C-alpha atoms as a PDB file:
ATOM      1  CA  UNK A   1     -40.940 -33.861  74.927  1.00  0.00           C
ATOM      2  CA  UNK A   2     -43.432 -34.921  72.241  1.00  0.00           C
ATOM      3  CA  UNK A   3     -45.680 -31.990  73.160  1.00  0.00           C
ATOM      4  CA  UNK A   4     -42.809 -29.508  72.820  1.00  0.00           C
ATOM      5  CA  UNK A   5     -41.819 -30.978  69.443  1.00  0.00           C
ATOM      6  CA  UNK A   6     -45.452 -30.879  68.240  1.00  0.00           C
ATOM      7  CA  UNK A   7     -45.843 -27.280  69.433  1.00  0.00           C
ATOM      8  CA  UNK A   8     -42.624 -26.232  67.676  1.00  0.00           C
ATOM      9  CA  UNK A   9     -43.809 -27.866  64.427  1.00  0.00           C
ATOM     10  CA  UNK A  10     -47.161 -26.079  64.632  1.00  0.00           C
ATOM     11  CA  UNK A  11     -45.476 -22.706  65.174  1.00  0.00           C
ATOM     12  CA  UNK A  12     -43.159 -23.327  62.203  1.00  0.00           C
ATOM     13  CA  UNK A  13     -46.083 -24.370  59.998  1.00  0.00           C
ATOM     14  CA  UNK A  14     -48.132 -21.287  60.941  1.00  0.00           C
ATOM     15  CA  UNK A  15     -45.158 -19.008  60.271  1.00  0.00           C
ATOM     16  CA  UNK A  16     -44.715 -20.569  56.812  1.00  0.00           C
ATOM     17  CA  UNK A  17     -48.397 -20.173  55.968  1.00  0.00           C
ATOM     18  CA  UNK A  18     -48.414 -16.542  57.108  1.00  0.00           C
ATOM     19  CA  UNK A  19     -45.268 -15.799  55.104  1.00  0.00           C
ATOM     20  CA  UNK A  20     -46.772 -17.275  51.931  1.00  0.00           C
ATOM     21  CA  UNK A  21     -49.956 -15.279  52.446  1.00  0.00           C
ATOM     22  CA  UNK A  22     -48.013 -12.041  52.836  1.00  0.00           C
ATOM     23  CA  UNK A  23     -46.019 -12.701  49.668  1.00  0.00           C
ATOM     24  CA  UNK A  24     -49.204 -13.402  47.721  1.00  0.00           C
ATOM     25  CA  UNK A  25     -50.893 -10.167  48.817  1.00  0.00           C
ATOM     26  CA  UNK A  26     -47.695  -8.181  48.141  1.00  0.00           C
ATOM     27  CA  UNK A  27     -47.580  -9.585  44.596  1.00  0.00           C
ATOM     28  CA  UNK A  28     -51.216  -8.677  44.030  1.00  0.00           C
ATOM     29  CA  UNK A  29     -50.712  -5.173  45.412  1.00  0.00           C
ATOM     30  CA  UNK A  30     -47.630  -4.544  43.279  1.00  0.00           C
ATOM     31  CA  UNK A  31     -49.313  -5.739  40.097  1.00  0.00           C
ATOM     32  CA  UNK A  32     -52.296  -3.450  40.750  1.00  0.00           C
ATOM     33  CA  UNK A  33     -50.034  -0.520  41.574  1.00  0.00           C
ATOM     34  CA  UNK A  34     -48.077  -0.969  38.357  1.00  0.00           C
ATOM     35  CA  UNK A  35     -51.251  -1.043  36.261  1.00  0.00           C
ATOM     36  CA  UNK A  36     -50.859  -4.712  35.387  1.00  0.00           C
ATOM     37  CA  UNK A  37     -53.966  -6.474  34.125  1.00  0.00           C
ATOM     38  CA  UNK A  38     -54.816 -10.110  33.521  1.00  0.00           C
ATOM     39  CA  UNK A  39     -53.804 -10.869  29.941  1.00  0.00           C
ATOM     40  CA  UNK A  40     -57.188 -12.436  29.197  1.00  0.00           C
ATOM     41  CA  UNK A  41     -58.992  -9.150  29.938  1.00  0.00           C
ATOM     42  CA  UNK A  42     -56.443  -6.632  28.670  1.00  0.00           C
ATOM     43  CA  UNK A  43     -58.068  -4.372  26.067  1.00  0.00           C
ATOM     44  CA  UNK A  44     -61.399  -6.135  26.486  1.00  0.00           C
ATOM     45  CA  UNK A  45     -64.861  -4.647  26.923  1.00  0.00           C
ATOM     46  CA  UNK A  46     -67.405  -6.479  29.064  1.00  0.00           C
ATOM     47  CA  UNK A  47     -71.064  -6.160  28.137  1.00  0.00           C
ATOM     48  CA  UNK A  48     -74.339  -7.987  28.615  1.00  0.00           C
ATOM     49  CA  UNK A  49     -77.081  -8.635  26.108  1.00  0.00           C
ATOM     50  CA  UNK A  50     -80.510 -10.088  26.865  1.00  0.00           C
ATOM     51  CA  UNK A  51     -81.087 -13.023  24.507  1.00  0.00           C
ATOM     52  CA  UNK A  52     -84.201 -15.211  24.339  1.00  0.00           C
ATOM     53  CA  UNK A  53     -83.827 -18.977  24.475  1.00  0.00           C
ATOM     54  CA  UNK A  54     -84.961 -21.971  26.486  1.00  0.00           C
ATOM     55  CA  UNK A  55     -82.669 -24.971  26.586  1.00  0.00           C
ATOM     56  CA  UNK A  56     -79.100 -26.256  26.505  1.00  0.00           C
ATOM     57  CA  UNK A  57     -79.231 -26.377  22.706  1.00  0.00           C
ATOM     58  CA  UNK A  58     -80.115 -22.671  22.699  1.00  0.00           C
ATOM     59  CA  UNK A  59     -77.251 -21.975  25.102  1.00  0.00           C
ATOM     60  CA  UNK A  60     -74.786 -23.792  22.887  1.00  0.00           C
ATOM     61  CA  UNK A  61     -75.912 -22.043  19.696  1.00  0.00           C
ATOM     62  CA  UNK A  62     -76.046 -18.571  21.295  1.00  0.00           C
ATOM     63  CA  UNK A  63     -72.561 -18.897  22.810  1.00  0.00           C
ATOM     64  CA  UNK A  64     -71.035 -20.472  19.692  1.00  0.00           C
ATOM     65  CA  UNK A  65     -72.517 -17.760  17.476  1.00  0.00           C
ATOM     66  CA  UNK A  66     -71.289 -14.962  19.750  1.00  0.00           C
ATOM     67  CA  UNK A  67     -67.780 -16.459  19.953  1.00  0.00           C
ATOM     68  CA  UNK A  68     -67.760 -16.685  16.159  1.00  0.00           C
ATOM     69  CA  UNK A  69     -67.974 -12.903  15.851  1.00  0.00           C
ATOM     70  CA  UNK A  70     -64.499 -11.524  15.178  1.00  0.00           C
ATOM     71  CA  UNK A  71     -63.172  -9.869  18.340  1.00  0.00           C
ATOM     72  CA  UNK A  72     -65.321 -11.766  20.865  1.00  0.00           C
ATOM     73  CA  UNK A  73     -63.137 -13.637  23.348  1.00  0.00           C
ATOM     74  CA  UNK A  74     -65.750 -15.046  25.735  1.00  0.00           C
ATOM     75  CA  UNK A  75     -69.500 -15.535  25.675  1.00  0.00           C
ATOM     76  CA  UNK A  76     -71.562 -17.104  28.450  1.00  0.00           C
ATOM     77  CA  UNK A  77     -75.368 -17.187  28.336  1.00  0.00           C
ATOM     78  CA  UNK A  78     -77.367 -17.759  31.516  1.00  0.00           C
ATOM     79  CA  UNK A  79     -80.485 -19.788  30.759  1.00  0.00           C
ATOM     80  CA  UNK A  80     -82.387 -18.455  33.805  1.00  0.00           C
ATOM     81  CA  UNK A  81     -81.681 -14.744  33.464  1.00  0.00           C
ATOM     82  CA  UNK A  82     -81.373 -14.762  29.643  1.00  0.00           C
ATOM     83  CA  UNK A  83     -78.227 -12.633  30.008  1.00  0.00           C
ATOM     84  CA  UNK A  84     -75.323 -13.148  27.613  1.00  0.00           C
ATOM     85  CA  UNK A  85     -72.059 -12.006  29.208  1.00  0.00           C
ATOM     86  CA  UNK A  86     -69.497 -10.991  26.614  1.00  0.00           C
ATOM     87  CA  UNK A  87     -65.880  -9.941  26.552  1.00  0.00           C
ATOM     88  CA  UNK A  88     -64.774  -8.460  23.262  1.00  0.00           C
ATOM     89  CA  UNK A  89     -62.283  -6.149  21.605  1.00  0.00           C
ATOM     90  CA  UNK A  90     -64.258  -2.979  20.875  1.00  0.00           C
ATOM     91  CA  UNK A  91     -61.841  -2.056  18.087  1.00  0.00           C
ATOM     92  CA  UNK A  92     -62.926  -5.197  16.196  1.00  0.00           C
ATOM     93  CA  UNK A  93     -66.634  -5.563  16.987  1.00  0.00           C
ATOM     94  CA  UNK A  94     -69.581  -4.131  18.889  1.00  0.00           C
ATOM     95  CA  UNK A  95     -72.542  -5.294  20.918  1.00  0.00           C
ATOM     96  CA  UNK A  96     -74.621  -4.407  17.861  1.00  0.00           C
ATOM     97  CA  UNK A  97     -72.635  -6.848  15.687  1.00  0.00           C
ATOM     98  CA  UNK A  98     -73.110  -9.640  18.233  1.00  0.00           C
ATOM     99  CA  UNK A  99     -76.844  -8.922  18.459  1.00  0.00           C
ATOM    100  CA  UNK A 100     -77.182  -9.109  14.652  1.00  0.00           C
ATOM    101  CA  UNK A 101     -75.303 -12.405  14.480  1.00  0.00           C
ATOM    102  CA  UNK A 102     -77.437 -13.978  17.201  1.00  0.00           C
ATOM    103  CA  UNK A 103     -80.684 -12.810  15.571  1.00  0.00           C
ATOM    104  CA  UNK A 104     -79.457 -14.224  12.250  1.00  0.00           C
ATOM    105  CA  UNK A 105     -79.423 -17.740  13.777  1.00  0.00           C
ATOM    106  CA  UNK A 106     -82.920 -17.408  15.263  1.00  0.00           C
ATOM    107  CA  UNK A 107     -82.640 -15.809  18.696  1.00  0.00           C
ATOM    108  CA  UNK A 108     -84.382 -12.528  19.543  1.00  0.00           C
ATOM    109  CA  UNK A 109     -82.362 -10.169  21.679  1.00  0.00           C
ATOM    110  CA  UNK A 110     -82.686  -6.664  23.028  1.00  0.00           C
ATOM    111  CA  UNK A 111     -81.125  -5.237  19.859  1.00  0.00           C
ATOM    112  CA  UNK A 112     -82.598  -7.364  17.052  1.00  0.00           C
ATOM    113  CA  UNK A 113     -85.480  -9.738  16.380  1.00  0.00           C
ATOM    114  CA  UNK A 114     -84.859 -12.953  14.444  1.00  0.00           C
ATOM    115  CA  UNK A 115     -86.659 -13.371  11.130  1.00  0.00           C
ATOM    116  CA  UNK A 116     -89.722 -15.582  11.481  1.00  0.00           C
ATOM    117  CA  UNK A 117     -88.458 -18.154   8.952  1.00  0.00           C
ATOM    118  CA  UNK A 118     -85.169 -18.537  10.829  1.00  0.00           C
ATOM    119  CA  UNK A 119     -86.924 -18.740  14.197  1.00  0.00           C
ATOM    120  CA  UNK A 120     -89.407 -21.342  12.891  1.00  0.00           C
ATOM    121  CA  UNK A 121     -86.515 -23.473  11.622  1.00  0.00           C
ATOM    122  CA  UNK A 122     -85.163 -23.851  15.192  1.00  0.00           C
ATOM    123  CA  UNK A 123     -85.830 -27.192  16.895  1.00  0.00           C
ATOM    124  CA  UNK A 124     -89.215 -27.179  18.649  1.00  0.00           C
ATOM    125  CA  UNK A 125     -87.563 -27.249  22.103  1.00  0.00           C
ATOM    126  CA  UNK A 126     -86.011 -23.874  21.253  1.00  0.00           C
ATOM    127  CA  UNK A 127     -89.274 -22.097  20.396  1.00  0.00           C
ATOM    128  CA  UNK A 128     -89.481 -19.376  23.057  1.00  0.00           C
ATOM    129  CA  UNK A 129     -92.055 -17.082  21.433  1.00  0.00           C
ATOM    130  CA  UNK A 130     -95.611 -17.371  22.770  1.00  0.00           C
END
């Protein structure tokens, strides 16, 4: 009797899990079919910018500077690849504007080079130029 009860409970549990999974995929399909987008990415442009830097302090300053540009919603810099991933409202800013702002605080990037005086004022652990 215990085996039958256990088997019945397992069948009921599996049916519930399958039902929830079907509902989840139906909701995803319907939102894609209706042109729905995640609110955090609606109207956003994603771009990458190569930015020089070395340490966690560089990472913090690069990301903070990029996020300070009007229209930038997210900025994440990868220390290994030197790639800054950005999401921004293209009607408010551009990749060019972000590149200028980052160079202005001392970090060379594929669009702009930082002025020597600004670069030299960075902490020594942030000096990436050879």
